[in-house]
Protein backbone atom coordinates (compact mmCIF):
# COMPACT_ATOMS: atom_id res chain seq x y z
CA MET A 1 48.44 37.81 65.04
CA ARG A 2 45.70 36.36 63.06
CA LEU A 3 44.38 40.18 61.97
CA TYR A 4 47.57 40.63 61.56
CA LEU A 5 48.31 37.62 58.85
CA ARG A 6 45.06 38.60 57.04
CA ALA A 7 45.96 41.64 56.62
CA LEU A 8 49.27 40.72 54.78
CA PRO A 9 47.91 39.71 51.77
CA THR A 10 45.51 41.92 50.85
CA ILE A 11 48.56 45.00 51.85
CA LEU A 12 50.33 43.25 48.98
CA LEU A 13 47.86 42.86 46.38
CA ALA A 14 46.72 46.56 46.78
CA MET A 15 50.53 47.39 47.17
CA VAL A 16 51.18 45.66 44.26
CA VAL A 17 49.04 47.14 42.46
CA THR A 18 49.65 51.20 43.23
CA SER A 19 52.94 50.11 42.47
CA ALA A 20 51.85 48.94 39.30
CA ALA A 21 50.52 52.56 38.85
CA LEU A 22 53.46 54.80 40.14
CA GLY A 23 55.95 52.57 38.27
CA ILE A 24 53.38 53.76 34.78
CA VAL A 25 53.56 57.25 35.83
CA VAL A 26 57.25 56.88 36.50
CA MET A 27 57.97 55.27 33.03
CA THR A 28 55.57 57.76 31.06
CA ALA A 29 58.14 60.99 33.44
CA LEU A 30 61.35 59.16 32.51
CA SER A 31 60.20 58.17 28.48
CA LEU A 32 59.95 62.42 27.99
CA TYR A 33 63.41 61.97 29.41
CA ASN A 34 64.32 59.75 27.16
CA MET A 35 62.10 61.62 24.24
CA PRO A 36 65.73 62.58 22.32
CA ARG A 37 65.85 59.07 21.39
CA LEU A 38 63.07 58.97 19.64
CA PHE A 39 64.66 61.75 16.92
CA LEU A 40 68.58 61.02 17.35
CA PRO A 41 69.80 58.01 16.67
CA SER A 42 73.14 57.54 18.80
CA ILE A 43 75.91 57.34 16.05
CA GLY A 44 79.09 57.67 17.41
CA ASN A 45 79.13 59.62 21.12
CA VAL A 46 78.46 63.00 20.67
CA THR A 47 75.12 65.23 18.65
CA ILE A 48 76.32 68.14 17.78
CA LYS A 49 73.71 71.07 16.60
CA LYS A 50 73.62 75.36 17.07
CA SER A 51 74.36 76.04 21.10
CA LEU A 52 71.10 78.23 21.09
CA SER A 53 68.82 76.36 18.88
CA ILE A 54 65.61 75.77 21.07
CA SER A 55 65.07 72.79 19.93
CA VAL A 56 67.87 70.26 17.45
CA PHE A 57 64.60 70.82 14.41
CA THR A 58 65.63 74.75 14.85
CA SER A 59 69.23 73.99 15.34
CA TRP A 60 71.67 75.74 12.07
CA THR A 61 74.82 73.61 12.37
CA PRO A 62 77.28 74.29 9.69
CA GLU A 63 77.94 71.10 7.80
CA GLU A 64 81.27 71.62 6.95
CA ILE A 65 82.20 70.48 10.36
CA ALA A 66 81.33 67.37 9.97
CA TYR A 67 83.60 67.50 6.29
CA SER A 68 86.25 68.64 8.85
CA LEU A 69 85.88 66.22 10.97
CA ARG A 70 85.60 63.56 8.94
CA ALA A 71 89.21 64.70 7.30
CA MET A 72 90.33 64.28 10.63
CA GLY A 73 89.63 60.59 10.38
CA ILE A 74 86.21 60.88 12.38
CA LEU A 75 83.15 59.67 12.25
CA ALA A 76 80.59 62.42 11.59
CA VAL A 77 77.07 62.04 10.06
CA PRO A 78 75.37 65.41 9.08
CA GLU A 79 71.55 65.19 9.34
CA VAL A 80 68.36 67.41 8.61
CA LEU A 81 65.06 67.35 10.63
CA VAL A 82 62.19 68.16 9.78
CA PRO A 83 58.84 67.60 11.24
CA GLY A 84 56.32 67.73 8.75
CA VAL A 85 52.89 66.11 7.19
CA ALA A 86 52.56 63.58 4.72
CA ASN A 87 48.34 61.70 4.46
CA ASN A 88 47.73 64.32 6.75
CA THR A 89 49.67 62.29 8.91
CA PRO A 90 52.21 63.75 11.47
CA ILE A 91 56.19 62.48 10.31
CA LEU A 92 59.51 63.40 10.90
CA ILE A 93 61.64 63.51 7.32
CA ARG A 94 65.05 62.47 7.90
CA GLY A 95 67.35 64.74 5.43
CA VAL A 96 70.56 62.03 5.18
CA VAL A 97 73.69 61.66 2.86
CA PRO A 98 73.21 59.03 1.06
CA SER A 99 75.98 57.04 1.15
CA TYR A 100 75.44 57.44 5.42
CA LEU A 101 72.72 54.95 5.01
CA GLY A 102 75.04 52.14 6.32
CA TYR A 103 75.36 54.12 9.56
CA TYR A 104 72.01 53.96 10.17
CA GLY A 105 71.88 50.37 9.81
CA ILE A 106 69.65 50.59 6.13
CA ASP A 107 70.24 48.17 4.24
CA GLU A 108 69.20 49.26 0.74
CA PRO A 109 71.44 51.52 -2.24
CA ALA A 110 71.96 54.61 -1.76
CA SER A 111 70.75 55.22 -5.33
CA LEU A 112 67.53 54.99 -4.04
CA LEU A 113 67.22 58.14 -2.50
CA ASN A 114 68.28 59.81 -5.52
CA CYS A 115 65.08 58.73 -7.54
CA GLY A 116 62.31 59.87 -4.04
CA ALA A 117 62.55 58.56 -0.61
CA LEU A 118 62.72 55.48 1.46
CA VAL A 119 60.04 54.41 3.73
CA GLY A 120 60.37 53.31 7.13
CA SER A 121 58.40 49.39 7.76
CA GLY A 122 56.93 51.24 10.28
CA LEU A 123 55.06 53.97 8.75
CA ALA A 124 54.32 52.42 5.23
CA LYS A 125 52.06 50.06 7.04
CA VAL A 126 50.80 53.08 9.23
CA LEU A 127 50.46 55.06 5.80
CA GLY A 128 49.42 51.95 3.41
CA LEU A 129 52.50 52.61 1.41
CA GLY A 130 54.70 50.60 -0.92
CA VAL A 131 56.82 50.67 -3.60
CA GLY A 132 55.87 53.41 -6.64
CA ASP A 133 53.37 55.11 -4.68
CA THR A 134 53.64 59.09 -4.74
CA LEU A 135 53.53 61.63 -1.15
CA MET A 136 53.27 64.98 -0.87
CA LEU A 137 54.81 66.07 1.79
CA THR A 138 54.55 69.35 3.62
CA SER A 139 57.21 70.58 6.04
CA PHE A 140 55.71 72.68 9.50
CA LYS A 141 56.99 75.82 7.54
CA GLY A 142 54.43 74.73 4.68
CA ILE A 143 57.14 74.05 2.48
CA SER A 144 55.60 71.09 0.00
CA ALA A 145 57.15 68.57 -2.27
CA ASN A 146 56.08 65.92 -4.28
CA VAL A 147 58.17 61.94 -4.08
CA THR A 148 58.44 58.84 -5.20
CA VAL A 149 58.44 55.64 -2.54
CA CYS A 150 61.45 54.22 -4.06
CA GLY A 151 61.98 51.75 -0.82
CA VAL A 152 60.92 50.35 2.09
CA TYR A 153 63.48 50.34 4.99
CA SER A 154 64.14 48.32 8.08
CA SER A 155 66.50 50.06 10.17
CA SER A 156 68.78 47.11 12.29
CA ARG A 157 69.77 49.31 14.82
CA PHE A 158 67.47 52.06 15.38
CA PRO A 159 63.85 50.76 15.55
CA GLN A 160 62.13 54.27 15.55
CA LEU A 161 63.87 55.20 12.05
CA ASN A 162 60.94 52.44 10.96
CA TYR A 163 58.84 55.41 11.26
CA ASN A 164 60.59 58.07 9.57
CA LEU A 165 60.46 59.27 6.36
CA ILE A 166 63.74 59.05 4.69
CA VAL A 167 65.51 62.05 1.79
CA ASN A 168 67.90 63.15 -0.04
CA GLU A 169 70.02 65.67 2.12
CA SER A 170 69.23 68.49 -0.51
CA LEU A 171 65.17 67.58 -0.54
CA ALA A 172 65.08 67.89 2.93
CA LYS A 173 67.16 71.70 2.83
CA ARG A 174 64.78 72.52 0.79
CA LEU A 175 62.08 71.60 2.98
CA ASP A 176 63.23 73.49 5.94
CA GLY A 177 64.46 76.49 4.11
CA LEU A 178 68.26 75.73 5.35
CA PRO A 179 71.10 76.75 3.34
CA GLN A 180 72.90 74.54 1.47
CA THR A 181 75.89 74.74 4.04
CA ILE A 182 73.61 74.33 6.88
CA VAL A 183 71.84 70.92 8.52
CA SER A 184 70.26 70.76 11.39
CA VAL A 185 72.76 67.83 13.78
CA ILE A 186 75.78 66.62 13.03
CA TYR A 187 76.90 62.91 14.56
CA ALA A 188 80.28 62.19 15.63
CA ASN A 189 82.53 59.68 17.40
CA THR A 190 84.74 62.04 19.00
CA SER A 191 84.74 63.76 22.79
CA LEU A 192 83.59 66.57 24.37
CA SER A 193 87.58 68.23 24.17
CA THR A 194 87.13 68.02 19.30
CA VAL A 195 83.81 70.21 20.38
CA LYS A 196 85.06 72.82 22.32
CA SER A 197 87.91 73.22 19.48
CA ILE A 198 84.63 73.59 16.74
CA ASN A 199 84.06 77.32 18.14
CA GLU A 200 87.28 78.12 18.65
CA VAL A 201 88.98 80.70 16.07
CA PHE A 202 92.88 79.58 14.60
CA GLY A 203 95.25 81.67 12.86
CA LEU A 204 96.70 80.53 10.69
CA ARG A 205 100.27 82.08 8.77
CA VAL A 206 101.04 82.11 5.89
CA ILE A 207 105.08 82.42 4.60
CA THR A 208 106.43 82.98 1.44
CA THR A 209 108.71 84.05 -1.08
CA MET A 210 106.40 84.31 -4.73
CA LYS A 211 105.72 87.16 -6.11
CA ASN A 212 102.58 88.04 -7.98
CA ALA A 213 100.10 85.51 -7.01
CA TYR A 214 96.74 84.62 -5.30
CA LEU A 215 96.31 82.97 -3.01
CA ALA A 216 92.63 80.84 -2.46
CA ILE A 217 91.70 79.33 0.87
CA LEU A 218 88.31 76.44 0.49
CA ASN A 219 86.22 74.81 3.09
CA SER A 220 85.56 71.54 3.32
CA MET A 221 83.16 71.67 1.51
CA ASN A 222 84.94 73.55 -1.05
CA SER A 223 83.02 77.17 -0.65
CA THR A 224 85.36 79.85 -0.92
CA VAL A 225 86.43 81.18 2.58
CA LEU A 226 89.59 83.65 1.12
CA SER A 227 90.87 84.48 -2.18
CA THR A 228 93.16 87.50 -2.29
CA ALA A 229 96.70 88.38 -3.14
CA LEU A 230 99.51 85.91 -1.93
CA GLY A 231 101.88 87.63 0.82
CA ASN A 232 103.15 86.77 4.05
CA GLU A 233 100.33 87.16 6.81
CA THR A 234 98.30 85.63 9.66
CA LEU A 235 94.69 84.85 8.69
CA MET A 236 91.95 83.69 11.23
CA LEU A 237 90.06 80.81 10.70
CA PRO A 238 87.78 78.82 12.56
CA PHE A 239 88.23 75.19 13.07
CA GLY A 240 88.63 72.82 9.89
CA ALA A 241 89.11 71.42 6.61
CA TYR A 242 91.17 73.83 3.74
CA TYR A 243 92.17 73.39 0.66
CA LEU A 244 95.02 76.10 -0.53
CA ALA A 245 95.44 77.26 -4.28
CA VAL A 246 98.21 79.30 -5.32
CA TYR A 247 97.98 80.90 -8.88
CA ASN A 248 99.33 83.28 -10.74
CA SER A 249 98.42 84.71 -14.66
CA SER A 250 98.68 81.42 -16.86
CA SER A 251 98.68 78.03 -14.49
CA ILE A 252 98.05 76.51 -10.57
CA ILE A 253 101.43 76.56 -9.07
CA TRP A 254 101.18 75.59 -5.38
CA TYR A 255 98.32 73.06 -3.84
CA GLY A 256 97.51 72.37 -0.39
CA GLU A 257 95.48 71.03 2.77
CA VAL A 258 95.87 72.20 5.56
CA LEU A 259 93.82 70.64 9.50
CA LEU A 260 93.81 73.49 11.62
CA VAL A 261 92.63 72.61 14.75
CA ARG A 262 95.69 74.92 16.43
CA ASN A 263 97.66 77.60 15.41
CA THR A 264 98.99 76.67 11.99
CA THR A 265 102.08 77.77 9.77
CA VAL A 266 101.76 76.59 6.27
CA VAL A 267 105.43 77.51 4.16
CA ILE A 268 104.91 77.73 0.05
CA ALA A 269 108.09 78.60 -0.94
CA LYS A 270 108.25 76.88 -4.33
CA PRO A 271 105.65 75.62 -6.42
CA ILE A 272 105.12 71.91 -6.01
CA VAL A 273 102.13 72.06 -8.43
CA THR A 274 103.09 73.36 -12.23
CA ASN A 275 100.80 73.10 -15.44
CA ILE A 276 98.78 70.12 -14.14
CA THR A 277 97.92 67.83 -16.88
CA MET A 278 97.15 63.93 -15.91
CA THR A 279 96.52 61.05 -18.88
CA ARG A 280 93.47 59.42 -18.71
CA PRO A 281 92.35 55.98 -19.86
CA ALA A 282 90.49 56.27 -23.31
CA TYR A 283 87.09 57.41 -22.39
CA PRO A 284 84.52 59.82 -24.04
CA THR A 285 84.99 63.19 -24.53
CA LEU A 286 83.45 65.28 -22.59
CA TRP A 287 82.90 69.12 -23.03
CA VAL A 288 82.50 71.39 -19.84
CA GLY A 289 81.30 74.65 -20.59
CA VAL A 290 81.76 78.14 -18.50
CA GLU A 291 79.85 80.95 -18.92
CA TRP A 292 78.91 84.32 -17.51
CA PRO A 293 74.72 84.57 -16.89
CA ASN A 294 74.49 86.46 -19.56
CA GLY A 295 75.44 83.49 -21.97
CA THR A 296 78.94 84.57 -22.75
CA LEU A 297 81.88 82.12 -22.66
CA VAL A 298 84.77 82.99 -19.97
CA SER A 299 88.00 83.57 -21.75
CA SER A 300 90.36 82.09 -19.67
CA TYR A 301 90.29 80.24 -16.09
CA TYR A 302 91.45 76.95 -13.95
CA LEU A 303 89.38 73.86 -13.61
CA LEU A 304 90.34 71.45 -11.13
CA ILE A 305 88.03 68.39 -10.99
CA TYR A 306 87.82 66.28 -7.83
CA TYR A 307 86.50 62.87 -7.02
CA SER A 308 83.95 62.15 -4.62
CA ASN A 309 86.75 61.38 -2.03
CA ASP A 310 88.05 65.06 -2.72
CA SER A 311 91.20 63.78 -4.47
CA LEU A 312 91.79 65.46 -7.62
CA ALA A 313 90.99 63.65 -10.88
CA TYR A 314 91.85 66.09 -13.40
CA ALA A 315 93.52 69.83 -13.93
CA VAL A 316 93.68 71.43 -16.90
CA VAL A 317 93.67 75.72 -17.58
CA GLY A 318 90.71 76.18 -19.98
CA HIS A 319 89.50 78.54 -22.10
CA GLY A 320 85.55 78.67 -22.47
CA VAL A 321 84.73 75.10 -23.68
CA THR A 322 87.52 72.51 -22.78
CA PRO A 323 87.63 69.15 -23.20
CA VAL A 324 87.86 66.05 -20.27
CA ALA A 325 88.11 62.64 -20.45
CA LEU A 326 87.04 61.09 -17.32
CA PRO A 327 84.41 57.88 -16.10
CA GLN A 328 81.08 58.65 -15.24
CA GLY A 329 80.25 59.61 -11.95
CA THR A 330 79.65 62.45 -9.60
CA TYR A 331 82.65 64.90 -9.76
CA ARG A 332 83.71 68.39 -7.66
CA LEU A 333 84.31 71.32 -10.28
CA SER A 334 86.53 74.26 -8.73
CA ILE A 335 86.81 77.34 -11.46
CA ILE A 336 88.65 79.53 -10.52
CA VAL A 337 88.75 82.98 -12.42
CA GLY A 338 91.02 85.51 -11.89
CA ASN A 339 90.47 86.38 -7.92
CA THR A 340 87.63 84.12 -7.57
CA VAL A 341 87.26 80.72 -6.62
CA TYR A 342 83.98 78.91 -7.50
CA SER A 343 82.87 75.30 -6.44
CA VAL A 344 79.97 73.34 -7.88
CA VAL A 345 79.18 69.54 -8.20
CA LYS A 346 77.85 68.03 -11.30
CA ASP A 347 77.45 63.98 -12.70
CA LEU A 348 79.40 64.34 -15.77
CA MET A 349 78.92 61.51 -18.19
CA PRO A 350 81.43 61.06 -21.06
CA GLY A 351 79.42 62.52 -24.22
CA VAL A 352 77.62 64.27 -23.02
CA ASN A 353 78.26 68.35 -22.07
CA ALA A 354 78.15 70.26 -18.94
CA SER A 355 77.52 73.38 -18.90
CA ILE A 356 78.38 76.14 -15.59
CA THR A 357 77.01 79.68 -14.83
CA ILE A 358 79.77 81.65 -12.75
CA MET A 359 79.02 85.14 -10.91
CA PRO A 360 80.58 87.95 -11.12
CA TYR A 361 82.66 88.67 -8.15
CA SER A 362 80.56 91.04 -6.77
CA ILE A 363 77.61 89.11 -6.54
CA VAL A 364 80.22 86.56 -4.59
CA LEU A 365 81.38 88.62 -2.44
CA SER A 366 77.37 89.76 -1.02
CA GLU A 367 77.26 86.00 -1.19
CA LEU A 368 80.10 85.47 1.48
CA ALA A 369 78.48 88.12 3.33
CA SER A 370 75.46 86.57 4.16
CA TYR A 371 77.23 83.50 4.44
CA ALA A 372 79.63 84.50 7.24
CA PRO A 373 77.43 84.85 9.97
CA ASN A 374 76.70 81.38 9.77
CA TYR A 375 80.01 80.11 9.08
CA VAL A 376 81.09 81.27 12.87
CA PHE A 377 77.79 79.49 14.69
CA ARG A 378 78.81 77.86 18.11
CA VAL A 379 77.58 74.81 18.55
CA ALA A 380 76.76 72.17 21.81
CA PRO A 381 77.09 68.85 21.97
CA VAL A 382 73.97 67.14 22.66
CA SER A 383 73.46 63.84 24.68
CA PRO A 384 70.48 61.34 23.16
CA SER A 385 69.51 61.47 27.19
CA LEU A 386 69.93 64.87 28.00
CA GLY A 387 66.57 65.44 29.98
CA PRO A 388 65.61 69.49 28.90
CA GLN A 389 66.63 68.79 25.83
CA ALA A 390 64.05 66.36 25.92
CA LEU A 391 61.24 68.93 26.34
CA LEU A 392 62.73 71.01 23.91
CA SER A 393 62.61 68.34 21.33
CA THR A 394 59.03 68.10 21.46
CA LEU A 395 57.70 71.96 22.40
CA ARG A 396 56.46 71.65 18.62
CA VAL A 397 55.06 68.30 18.47
CA GLY A 398 52.86 67.69 21.29
CA LEU A 399 54.13 67.92 24.56
CA GLY A 400 50.46 69.21 25.36
CA THR A 401 49.23 65.97 25.32
CA LEU A 402 52.10 63.99 26.50
CA ILE A 403 51.80 66.45 29.89
CA GLY A 404 48.25 65.06 29.98
CA ILE A 405 48.95 61.90 30.04
CA VAL A 406 50.79 62.32 33.51
CA ILE A 407 48.62 64.34 35.13
CA GLY A 408 45.35 61.91 33.93
CA LEU A 409 47.36 58.52 35.44
CA LEU A 410 48.35 60.95 38.60
CA ILE A 411 44.90 61.97 39.40
CA ILE A 412 43.52 57.93 38.81
CA LEU A 413 46.58 56.86 40.96
CA SER A 414 45.25 59.53 43.68
CA LEU A 415 42.26 58.16 43.74
CA GLY A 416 43.66 54.45 44.62
CA VAL A 417 46.43 56.12 47.10
CA VAL A 418 43.55 57.12 49.17
CA GLY A 419 42.05 54.01 49.45
CA ILE A 420 44.94 52.19 50.10
CA VAL A 421 45.71 54.33 52.64
CA GLY A 422 42.18 54.25 54.18
CA TYR A 423 42.52 50.05 54.27
CA SER A 424 46.03 51.10 55.76
CA TYR A 425 44.72 52.80 58.64
CA SER A 426 41.79 50.57 59.10
CA ALA A 427 44.03 47.22 59.34
CA ASN A 428 46.83 49.02 61.59
CA GLU A 429 44.79 50.31 64.20
CA GLU A 430 43.09 46.77 64.36
CA LEU A 431 46.66 45.50 64.44
CA ILE A 432 48.89 47.72 66.73
CA ASN A 433 45.75 48.41 69.24
CA TYR A 434 45.76 44.55 69.70
CA LEU A 435 49.69 44.84 70.20
CA ILE A 436 49.44 47.56 72.81
CA LEU A 437 47.25 45.57 74.77
CA GLN A 438 49.48 42.71 74.98
CA GLY A 439 51.87 45.30 76.18
CA VAL A 440 53.85 45.90 73.17
CA ARG A 441 55.64 48.83 73.02
CA SER A 442 57.57 50.78 69.96
CA TRP A 443 60.48 49.07 69.41
CA GLY A 444 58.41 46.18 69.39
CA LEU A 445 56.02 47.92 66.77
CA VAL A 446 58.54 48.44 64.68
CA VAL A 447 59.74 44.93 65.28
CA MET A 448 56.36 43.37 63.97
CA VAL A 449 54.66 45.78 62.36
CA ASP A 450 57.02 48.39 60.58
CA LEU A 451 59.45 45.17 59.61
CA PRO A 452 57.26 42.56 58.30
CA LEU A 453 55.18 45.71 55.95
CA THR A 454 58.26 46.66 54.44
CA LEU A 455 59.36 43.34 53.74
CA VAL A 456 55.82 42.88 52.14
CA TYR A 457 56.41 46.55 50.45
CA ALA A 458 59.88 45.66 48.89
CA VAL A 459 58.74 42.14 47.44
CA SER A 460 55.56 44.66 46.25
CA SER A 461 56.96 47.76 44.94
CA ALA A 462 59.35 44.87 42.66
CA ILE A 463 56.70 42.75 40.99
CA GLY A 464 54.63 46.47 40.54
CA VAL A 465 57.27 48.03 39.35
CA GLY A 466 58.44 44.81 36.85
CA MET A 467 54.85 44.72 35.77
CA ALA A 468 54.83 48.43 35.05
CA TYR A 469 58.32 47.97 32.81
CA PHE A 470 56.61 45.39 30.45
CA ALA A 471 53.09 46.97 30.42
CA TRP A 472 53.43 49.56 29.47
CA PRO A 473 55.42 49.77 26.61
CA LEU A 474 51.83 47.69 25.69
CA ILE A 475 49.54 50.68 27.42
CA MET A 476 51.33 53.02 24.59
CA ASN A 477 50.65 51.22 22.00
CA ALA A 478 47.56 50.20 22.41
CA LEU A 479 46.55 53.84 22.94
CA GLY A 480 48.02 54.49 19.86
CA ILE A 481 50.35 57.27 21.73
CA SER A 482 53.25 58.15 19.42
CA VAL A 483 55.55 61.45 18.89
CA LEU A 484 55.79 62.20 14.61
CA GLY A 485 54.39 59.08 13.83
CA ILE A 486 56.54 57.23 16.14
CA PRO A 487 55.51 55.15 19.23
CA LEU A 488 55.81 56.75 22.60
CA SER A 489 57.13 52.75 23.27
CA LEU A 490 60.18 53.03 21.56
CA ALA A 491 61.87 56.40 24.53
CA GLN A 492 60.90 53.29 27.04
CA PRO A 493 63.17 53.37 30.30
CA THR A 494 66.59 51.73 30.18
CA PRO A 495 66.44 48.73 32.82
CA THR A 496 69.47 50.80 34.27
CA GLN A 497 66.49 53.91 34.58
CA TYR A 498 64.45 51.02 36.39
CA LEU A 499 66.35 50.16 38.62
CA VAL A 500 66.85 53.72 39.75
CA ALA A 501 62.93 54.20 39.88
CA TYR A 502 62.22 51.05 42.19
CA PRO A 503 63.54 52.55 45.57
CA ILE A 504 61.89 55.41 44.76
CA ILE A 505 58.94 54.14 44.58
CA LEU A 506 60.03 51.96 47.40
CA ALA A 507 60.17 55.07 49.54
CA LEU A 508 57.38 56.36 48.73
CA LEU A 509 55.09 53.40 49.28
CA THR A 510 57.00 53.43 53.06
CA LEU A 511 56.38 56.58 53.30
CA MET A 512 52.51 56.57 52.59
CA GLN A 513 52.29 53.34 55.34
CA VAL A 514 54.30 55.39 57.70
CA TYR A 515 52.04 58.38 57.47
CA ALA A 516 49.21 55.61 57.91
CA ARG A 517 50.77 54.60 61.36
CA ARG A 518 51.04 57.57 62.83
CA GLY A 519 47.76 58.35 61.58
CA VAL A 520 46.57 55.63 64.20
CA PHE A 521 48.51 55.94 67.25
CA ARG A 522 50.91 59.06 66.57
CA GLY A 523 52.45 58.23 70.20
CA ALA A 524 53.06 54.82 69.29
């Protein structure tokens, strides 16, 4: 029994060390599983990307889905993710809509993104950056841009963002070579059933008694979907919010909005908008000029101007150059010429003329044809803790290095296990031999050897795994292990994952002891 008591402290210490080593391996493996957290903030409860894309970095998701969801009252935040390099350091460039900064827990004026970039406080320390510094950004596609650091932020909600560089969504699209209608992912506070409906096509039935009129349909981003003669028909369109305008040769005679989440019928029976004129406060007049690519003015068109919340601010029949009185701000201008609807976003300043160049109808048709394949892309929800997605998301950003770390830890661990198994073999041999000589048989050995050792393993495993849980981020930070400049320690397992890992490690250690015990006396 003295041998037994002397062996237990040594076994306890050995098991603590072994379980700590196992815990570090498990923590590293779970951090790979949690890798999407480094790239995808948990805004809302669903992240939407193109279903067939290999990773979130190569996903082409129609941005109009976000605006359609918002029209339904659902939180939806579009984002562009661009792996790149700044000052020879790999970083993640995040393109956001300036007005959505608050969703990221960033308390900085949205206007700063219109003058340059915002740098996370952690990345600013790594690169030695401050406000006013200039950066050369190069995306993984080889597209470069010079930006000025206009602010250093610290996210209160998502610490991984403090190692990112945030730019205006349009600049991120240019760096990634994306069309203006496409983003990487959309964060949405919605259900999986809604995501399923996004992939469906619905019938929009139009019933009308009007004659000699035209119908224009714009999507939630005010891009032309259809422009045709008005008549009774059923149009098949994807899920989304749409704007419908009916016009004739002299005026806009009907305007409406449709949320296409099911088969819908729209009755256009009589004019509800006729020669819209709106009385505005006495703002200084600006002139909106609409011209063709060759510089000649468009002789007749309909001009609709919308606020940033998509409410109508001004509408008028225009000829060449049209006077408009509006307060300073950013507006969306829709111009209807013949059967074609054009849409553009402009910063209007009182007293400063705005010039808009529009393309002939034949060129617009070719643009629509090239856009159509993107319009019907299927999308899929992505969980921020989805294991396979974690691996796919890191294919281009150092997965080999991380696997090498895990393999190295396993090799070190295996050497330690060999030594502990050898010690357990010797300790069990003396102890079991002594007990057998005293006449103790199988069940007695279980009660006097296996049960106490199992309790020792349970305590030592808890101590060792707990040490690993708290030491793992310190080790990762000390080694400087990061992905696109984001410390891997920020992907630390959650307490729930930690509690799941504990019984697995305990079972492994117990099996190791059983194997060592059987190695002493197979018949014991």
